[in-house]
Amino acid sequence: MGEKMTIYLDVVFFLNFFFDFLLLLTVNNTLRRNSSLKRLFLGALIGSLTIFLLFISMTSLVLFLIKVLISILMCVVSFGLKDRRYTIQNLSYFYMTSTVLGGFLYFLQLSFSEQQNGLIFTYDNISISYVFLVIISPIMLYIYIKQRREVSHYERFYEVKIFFLDGKCLSLNSYLDTGNKLVDPITKKKIVLVSSEKIQDMHFKRFIYVPYNSLNHHGLMKCVSIDYLEVGEKRSRNYLVGISEGDLLSDGVECVLNAYCLEELL
């Protein structure tokens, strides 16, 4: 006879509700859905009711299809139903986050459990293990959200080559800044910013001074004409290089691309 396993439905229900609410809250914050806590609460409550499926005899395929339908219902209740793309995105992020959290909990179970009892919802060490999971899971998902945002930040990094009129070329680590929309009002050329340190050894015969306005100050920016700008296999001659005397962004950024590069070069 194997060792009997005690399952407490109230604990199972609470943990299911807690993790479903945590997943929906993560999706809400990641996609900026701005749903109310009441709607997230109701969506998590619907997901928690799946524990009663344990007492219904059904095939694995039917159980899977029911869980898919319930997850769709959870997302619709939590975030609303606007259009097909909106709903699919909510659902995909919900599954993605569920996979991350489930994999993390499985890793903890394999790493720190002294014995395997099948279901994790057992009586053994309940006062320690589940309190730990409830505490560590939000921290893990917070780190996950933060890392995703950092990855999105690095998706705006590009290698750019600037070819000057004297034939010289600079290859720079660049960042696409959607807030940089500087344009020379006379030539109508867009402006990319380059750190003065990168071109301090270059000699230019002529400068173009372009007026600019920022949040707290305004003035004239020193710019130089170039032959063309190249990002990947695309190039454009419709740009000026603005010389930045101050520091640009961190992470080794040497050049700040113009927002219009998104349309012309990328």
Protein backbone atom coordinates (compact mmCIF):
# COMPACT_ATOMS: atom_id res chain seq x y z
CA MET A 1 0.00 0.00 0.00
CA GLY A 2 1.38 3.39 -0.95
CA GLU A 3 1.39 6.35 1.38
CA LYS A 4 -1.94 8.18 1.41
CA MET A 5 -2.02 11.77 0.33
CA THR A 6 -4.26 14.33 1.97
CA ILE A 7 -5.66 17.10 -0.23
CA TYR A 8 -7.33 20.17 1.28
CA LEU A 9 -9.78 21.71 -1.18
CA ASP A 10 -9.82 25.08 0.55
CA VAL A 11 -6.03 25.31 0.24
CA VAL A 12 -6.15 24.16 -3.39
CA PHE A 13 -8.88 26.70 -4.16
CA PHE A 14 -6.98 29.55 -2.49
CA LEU A 15 -3.70 28.72 -4.24
CA ASN A 16 -5.40 28.39 -7.62
CA PHE A 17 -7.14 31.71 -7.09
CA PHE A 18 -3.92 33.39 -5.92
CA PHE A 19 -1.86 32.18 -8.88
CA ASP A 20 -4.60 32.96 -11.43
CA PHE A 21 -4.98 36.46 -10.01
CA LEU A 22 -1.20 36.89 -10.11
CA LEU A 23 -1.07 35.78 -13.76
CA LEU A 24 -3.89 38.12 -14.79
CA LEU A 25 -2.30 40.99 -12.89
CA THR A 26 1.00 40.34 -14.68
CA VAL A 27 -0.71 40.38 -18.10
CA ASN A 28 -2.57 43.53 -17.12
CA ASN A 29 0.65 45.34 -16.17
CA THR A 30 2.68 44.01 -19.11
CA LEU A 31 0.15 45.00 -21.77
CA ARG A 32 -1.05 48.15 -19.97
CA ARG A 33 -4.71 47.02 -20.06
CA ASN A 34 -5.68 49.13 -17.02
CA SER A 35 -8.36 46.67 -15.93
CA SER A 36 -9.89 47.12 -12.50
CA LEU A 37 -8.96 44.83 -9.62
CA LYS A 38 -12.61 43.80 -9.50
CA ARG A 39 -12.47 42.38 -13.03
CA LEU A 40 -9.15 40.64 -12.35
CA PHE A 41 -10.60 39.22 -9.14
CA LEU A 42 -13.62 37.85 -11.02
CA GLY A 43 -11.42 36.37 -13.75
CA ALA A 44 -9.26 34.61 -11.17
CA LEU A 45 -12.35 33.32 -9.42
CA ILE A 46 -13.56 31.74 -12.67
CA GLY A 47 -10.19 30.08 -13.13
CA SER A 48 -10.21 28.71 -9.59
CA LEU A 49 -13.44 26.84 -10.21
CA THR A 50 -11.49 24.41 -12.42
CA ILE A 51 -10.54 22.42 -9.32
CA PHE A 52 -14.02 20.86 -9.44
CA LEU A 53 -13.08 19.28 -12.76
CA LEU A 54 -10.95 16.89 -10.71
CA PHE A 55 -14.12 15.15 -9.59
CA ILE A 56 -15.61 14.73 -13.08
CA SER A 57 -14.65 11.75 -15.19
CA MET A 58 -13.51 12.87 -18.65
CA THR A 59 -10.81 12.20 -21.19
CA SER A 60 -7.59 14.20 -21.27
CA LEU A 61 -8.62 15.86 -24.55
CA VAL A 62 -11.95 17.02 -23.17
CA LEU A 63 -10.25 18.30 -20.02
CA PHE A 64 -7.74 20.22 -22.13
CA LEU A 65 -10.45 21.82 -24.28
CA ILE A 66 -12.45 22.85 -21.21
CA LYS A 67 -9.37 24.46 -19.67
CA VAL A 68 -8.73 26.37 -22.90
CA LEU A 69 -12.32 27.65 -22.92
CA ILE A 70 -12.04 28.67 -19.27
CA SER A 71 -8.77 30.53 -19.90
CA ILE A 72 -10.44 32.41 -22.79
CA LEU A 73 -13.35 33.28 -20.49
CA MET A 74 -10.91 34.47 -17.82
CA CYS A 75 -9.20 36.85 -20.25
CA VAL A 76 -12.50 38.15 -21.65
CA VAL A 77 -13.89 38.81 -18.18
CA SER A 78 -10.65 40.40 -16.97
CA PHE A 79 -9.78 42.56 -19.98
CA GLY A 80 -12.93 42.85 -22.03
CA LEU A 81 -13.67 41.88 -25.63
CA LYS A 82 -12.63 44.55 -28.13
CA ASP A 83 -11.40 42.74 -31.21
CA ARG A 84 -9.79 39.47 -32.25
CA ARG A 85 -6.19 40.70 -32.11
CA TYR A 86 -6.73 42.23 -28.66
CA THR A 87 -8.16 38.98 -27.29
CA ILE A 88 -5.49 36.74 -28.87
CA GLN A 89 -2.73 38.95 -27.47
CA ASN A 90 -4.23 38.80 -23.98
CA LEU A 91 -4.57 35.03 -24.19
CA SER A 92 -1.06 34.47 -25.56
CA TYR A 93 0.52 36.56 -22.82
CA PHE A 94 -1.58 34.73 -20.23
CA TYR A 95 -0.25 31.36 -21.46
CA MET A 96 3.29 32.69 -21.73
CA THR A 97 3.23 33.99 -18.17
CA SER A 98 1.61 30.74 -16.96
CA THR A 99 4.45 28.76 -18.55
CA VAL A 100 7.06 30.93 -16.86
CA LEU A 101 5.42 30.65 -13.45
CA GLY A 102 4.70 26.93 -13.82
CA GLY A 103 8.25 26.21 -14.89
CA PHE A 104 9.61 28.20 -11.98
CA LEU A 105 7.43 26.36 -9.45
CA TYR A 106 8.37 23.00 -10.98
CA PHE A 107 12.04 23.93 -10.71
CA LEU A 108 11.60 24.76 -7.02
CA GLN A 109 9.78 21.51 -6.44
CA LEU A 110 12.55 19.46 -8.04
CA SER A 111 15.32 21.42 -6.37
CA PHE A 112 14.11 21.60 -2.80
CA SER A 113 11.58 18.78 -2.24
CA GLU A 114 12.93 15.89 -0.20
CA GLN A 115 10.31 13.53 -1.58
CA GLN A 116 7.90 13.40 -4.48
CA ASN A 117 4.25 12.78 -3.58
CA GLY A 118 2.61 13.37 -6.95
CA LEU A 119 0.36 16.41 -6.53
CA ILE A 120 2.08 19.34 -4.86
CA PHE A 121 -1.03 20.09 -2.83
CA THR A 122 -0.26 17.72 0.01
CA TYR A 123 -0.30 17.96 3.75
CA ASP A 124 3.46 17.59 4.13
CA ASN A 125 5.21 20.82 5.08
CA ILE A 126 2.21 22.90 4.05
CA SER A 127 2.96 25.63 6.60
CA ILE A 128 6.38 26.21 5.05
CA SER A 129 6.26 25.31 1.35
CA TYR A 130 3.10 27.16 0.33
CA VAL A 131 3.83 30.28 2.31
CA PHE A 132 7.19 30.34 0.53
CA LEU A 133 5.54 29.91 -2.89
CA VAL A 134 3.01 32.65 -2.20
CA ILE A 135 5.83 35.02 -1.26
CA ILE A 136 8.35 34.12 -3.97
CA SER A 137 5.95 33.92 -6.95
CA PRO A 138 5.08 37.66 -7.11
CA ILE A 139 8.78 38.49 -6.82
CA MET A 140 9.62 36.14 -9.67
CA LEU A 141 6.90 37.59 -11.92
CA TYR A 142 8.02 41.13 -11.09
CA ILE A 143 11.53 40.21 -12.24
CA TYR A 144 10.04 38.63 -15.36
CA ILE A 145 8.13 41.81 -16.27
CA LYS A 146 11.20 43.94 -15.65
CA GLN A 147 13.38 41.71 -17.83
CA ARG A 148 10.84 41.78 -20.66
CA ARG A 149 10.83 45.57 -20.61
CA GLU A 150 14.62 45.61 -20.71
CA VAL A 151 14.59 43.24 -23.68
CA SER A 152 12.13 45.56 -25.46
CA HIS A 153 14.53 48.40 -24.72
CA TYR A 154 17.41 46.57 -26.42
CA GLU A 155 15.30 45.88 -29.51
CA ARG A 156 15.84 49.56 -30.39
CA PHE A 157 19.60 49.17 -30.70
CA TYR A 158 21.10 49.20 -34.18
CA GLU A 159 24.50 49.41 -35.80
CA VAL A 160 24.61 52.46 -38.03
CA LYS A 161 27.26 53.53 -40.51
CA ILE A 162 27.67 57.23 -41.26
CA PHE A 163 29.53 58.16 -44.44
CA PHE A 164 30.86 61.72 -44.40
CA LEU A 165 31.56 63.98 -47.38
CA ASP A 166 35.34 63.48 -47.06
CA GLY A 167 34.94 59.71 -47.51
CA LYS A 168 35.38 58.77 -43.86
CA CYS A 169 33.00 56.32 -42.26
CA LEU A 170 31.95 55.83 -38.66
CA SER A 171 30.30 52.65 -37.41
CA LEU A 172 28.36 53.42 -34.25
CA ASN A 173 26.20 51.67 -31.70
CA SER A 174 22.91 53.53 -32.04
CA TYR A 175 19.59 53.77 -30.27
CA LEU A 176 16.29 54.60 -31.95
CA ASP A 177 14.73 57.38 -29.89
CA THR A 178 11.11 58.02 -30.87
CA GLY A 179 11.36 61.36 -29.06
CA ASN A 180 14.07 62.62 -31.40
CA LYS A 181 12.22 64.35 -34.23
CA LEU A 182 14.74 67.08 -34.96
CA VAL A 183 14.53 68.39 -38.52
CA ASP A 184 16.45 71.22 -40.15
CA PRO A 185 13.72 73.73 -41.11
CA ILE A 186 15.66 74.89 -44.18
CA THR A 187 16.98 71.70 -45.79
CA LYS A 188 14.21 69.52 -44.29
CA LYS A 189 16.84 66.93 -43.40
CA LYS A 190 16.41 64.83 -40.28
CA ILE A 191 19.03 64.95 -37.55
CA VAL A 192 20.77 62.07 -35.79
CA LEU A 193 22.81 62.85 -32.70
CA VAL A 194 26.42 61.72 -32.36
CA SER A 195 28.63 62.12 -29.33
CA SER A 196 31.30 64.76 -29.86
CA GLU A 197 33.92 62.28 -28.61
CA LYS A 198 33.36 60.07 -31.65
CA ILE A 199 34.10 62.85 -34.17
CA GLN A 200 36.58 65.00 -32.24
CA ASP A 201 39.42 63.99 -34.56
CA MET A 202 37.49 64.87 -37.68
CA HIS A 203 37.79 68.29 -39.30
CA PHE A 204 34.78 69.92 -40.91
CA LYS A 205 34.91 72.96 -43.16
CA ARG A 206 31.35 74.04 -42.60
CA PHE A 207 28.73 73.72 -39.90
CA ILE A 208 24.98 74.09 -40.02
CA TYR A 209 23.26 75.54 -36.96
CA VAL A 210 19.78 74.21 -36.37
CA PRO A 211 17.42 75.66 -33.72
CA TYR A 212 16.03 73.20 -31.23
CA ASN A 213 13.66 73.21 -28.27
CA SER A 214 13.67 70.74 -25.40
CA LEU A 215 11.81 70.51 -22.14
CA ASN A 216 13.81 73.08 -20.18
CA HIS A 217 15.96 74.91 -22.70
CA HIS A 218 16.45 75.82 -26.34
CA GLY A 219 19.30 76.94 -28.54
CA LEU A 220 21.27 76.18 -31.72
CA MET A 221 22.67 72.73 -32.44
CA LYS A 222 25.88 72.39 -34.42
CA CYS A 223 25.35 69.96 -37.31
CA VAL A 224 27.37 68.68 -40.25
CA SER A 225 26.34 67.41 -43.66
CA ILE A 226 26.99 63.78 -44.54
CA ASP A 227 27.02 61.75 -47.71
CA TYR A 228 24.56 59.13 -46.50
CA LEU A 229 23.43 57.08 -43.53
CA GLU A 230 23.28 53.28 -43.60
CA VAL A 231 21.36 50.94 -41.27
CA GLY A 232 21.59 47.32 -42.32
CA GLU A 233 21.15 47.24 -46.08
CA LYS A 234 19.14 50.46 -46.28
CA ARG A 235 20.60 53.92 -46.74
CA SER A 236 19.41 57.49 -46.96
CA ARG A 237 21.01 60.84 -47.82
CA ASN A 238 18.31 62.88 -46.13
CA TYR A 239 20.13 63.30 -42.78
CA LEU A 240 22.42 65.63 -40.87
CA VAL A 241 24.63 64.73 -37.94
CA GLY A 242 24.03 66.79 -34.83
CA ILE A 243 27.02 67.03 -32.51
CA SER A 244 26.05 66.32 -28.90
CA GLU A 245 28.41 67.85 -26.34
CA GLY A 246 26.72 66.11 -23.42
CA ASP A 247 26.33 62.42 -22.69
CA LEU A 248 23.89 60.47 -24.77
CA LEU A 249 22.10 57.47 -23.32
CA SER A 250 23.78 54.76 -21.27
CA ASP A 251 24.59 51.20 -22.41
CA GLY A 252 27.34 52.36 -24.75
CA VAL A 253 25.09 54.42 -27.03
CA GLU A 254 27.20 56.50 -29.41
CA CYS A 255 24.46 57.75 -31.71
CA VAL A 256 20.76 58.55 -31.25
CA LEU A 257 18.73 57.83 -34.35
CA ASN A 258 15.87 60.02 -35.46
CA ALA A 259 12.29 58.77 -35.05
CA TYR A 260 11.85 59.02 -38.83
CA CYS A 261 14.48 56.31 -39.26
CA LEU A 262 11.76 53.86 -38.27
CA GLU A 263 9.94 54.63 -41.53
CA GLU A 264 12.86 55.23 -43.88
CA LEU A 265 15.61 52.86 -42.82
CA LEU A 266 14.23 50.07 -40.64
